[in-house]
Amino acid sequence: MGAHEAPRPTQSKYPWKSTLRSIIQFGSGLAVAAPTLYTAVTNQSPEQATGAGLTALLVSAAVTRLMANPFINEWLTKVGLGAEPKTPAA
């Protein structure tokens, strides 16, 4: 039998790209929820803080789903954040 090696996922091949994409996803959710979160913290409202946390989570999930779209991934590849590196121009 020949030696077979399973293909490595892009997250292990390019860990810094994966990290940057995660920061963008989390940051977008946090940016959307920041005003509500600030209000919740300053007014000490746990209900509002929970809502802000849920909003941040939902926005992060939506951005993550969008980044998985082939069209968006192609655009991200052009700016250097795609799942795979740019292919050299022929």
Protein backbone atom coordinates (compact mmCIF):
# COMPACT_ATOMS: atom_id res chain seq x y z
CA MET A 1 0.00 0.00 0.00
CA GLY A 2 1.18 3.50 -0.80
CA ALA A 3 1.54 6.19 1.77
CA HIS A 4 -1.49 8.44 1.79
CA GLU A 5 -1.61 11.77 3.50
CA ALA A 6 -4.85 13.55 4.23
CA PRO A 7 -5.00 17.08 2.83
CA ARG A 8 -4.35 19.73 5.44
CA PRO A 9 -7.15 22.24 6.04
CA THR A 10 -6.45 25.83 5.03
CA GLN A 11 -6.67 26.91 8.68
CA SER A 12 -3.53 24.87 9.44
CA LYS A 13 -1.78 25.84 6.23
CA TYR A 14 -2.39 29.57 6.72
CA PRO A 15 -3.07 30.17 10.44
CA TRP A 16 -2.56 33.94 10.33
CA LYS A 17 -5.15 34.34 7.58
CA SER A 18 -7.59 32.35 9.65
CA THR A 19 -6.80 34.52 12.67
CA LEU A 20 -7.32 37.75 10.72
CA ARG A 21 -10.60 36.52 9.29
CA SER A 22 -11.79 35.62 12.81
CA ILE A 23 -10.81 39.07 14.09
CA ILE A 24 -12.79 40.69 11.28
CA GLN A 25 -15.80 38.50 12.03
CA PHE A 26 -15.71 39.17 15.77
CA GLY A 27 -14.89 42.86 15.32
CA SER A 28 -17.84 43.44 13.01
CA GLY A 29 -20.23 41.91 15.53
CA LEU A 30 -18.71 43.88 18.37
CA ALA A 31 -18.85 47.12 16.39
CA VAL A 32 -22.57 46.66 15.71
CA ALA A 33 -23.34 45.85 19.34
CA ALA A 34 -20.94 48.39 20.93
CA PRO A 35 -23.46 51.23 21.48
CA THR A 36 -25.98 48.90 23.11
CA LEU A 37 -23.27 47.20 25.14
CA TYR A 38 -21.94 50.56 26.34
CA THR A 39 -25.43 51.64 27.38
CA ALA A 40 -25.99 48.35 29.14
CA VAL A 41 -22.74 48.59 31.07
CA THR A 42 -23.18 52.21 32.11
CA ASN A 43 -26.83 51.67 33.12
CA GLN A 44 -26.00 48.27 34.61
CA SER A 45 -28.78 46.54 32.69
CA PRO A 46 -28.19 42.79 32.38
CA GLU A 47 -31.11 42.43 29.95
CA GLN A 48 -29.64 44.99 27.59
CA ALA A 49 -26.16 43.48 27.94
CA THR A 50 -27.55 40.05 27.04
CA GLY A 51 -29.27 41.53 23.99
CA ALA A 52 -26.05 43.27 22.94
CA GLY A 53 -24.10 40.05 23.34
CA LEU A 54 -26.65 38.17 21.26
CA THR A 55 -26.54 40.88 18.58
CA ALA A 56 -22.75 40.66 18.42
CA LEU A 57 -22.93 36.89 18.15
CA LEU A 58 -25.55 36.97 15.38
CA VAL A 59 -23.68 39.58 13.34
CA SER A 60 -20.43 37.62 13.73
CA ALA A 61 -22.21 34.46 12.57
CA ALA A 62 -23.67 36.28 9.56
CA VAL A 63 -20.27 37.67 8.56
CA THR A 64 -18.72 34.22 8.99
CA ARG A 65 -21.40 32.74 6.71
CA LEU A 66 -20.83 35.46 4.12
CA MET A 67 -17.09 34.81 4.15
CA ALA A 68 -17.82 31.18 3.25
CA ASN A 69 -19.60 32.30 0.07
CA PRO A 70 -17.39 31.56 -2.98
CA PHE A 71 -17.95 35.05 -4.45
CA ILE A 72 -16.94 36.76 -1.19
CA ASN A 73 -14.00 34.37 -0.74
CA GLU A 74 -12.84 35.27 -4.26
CA TRP A 75 -12.93 38.96 -3.33
CA LEU A 76 -11.14 38.24 -0.04
CA THR A 77 -8.47 36.36 -2.00
CA LYS A 78 -7.85 39.49 -4.06
CA VAL A 79 -7.15 41.45 -0.88
CA GLY A 80 -5.05 38.64 0.60
CA LEU A 81 -7.50 37.19 3.12
CA GLY A 82 -9.01 34.35 1.09
CA ALA A 83 -8.97 30.76 2.28
CA GLU A 84 -6.24 29.99 -0.27
CA PRO A 85 -3.42 32.33 -1.33
CA LYS A 86 -3.57 34.37 -4.53
CA THR A 87 -2.58 32.48 -7.65
CA PRO A 88 0.38 34.09 -9.40
CA ALA A 89 -0.48 36.03 -12.55
CA ALA A 90 0.39 33.99 -15.64
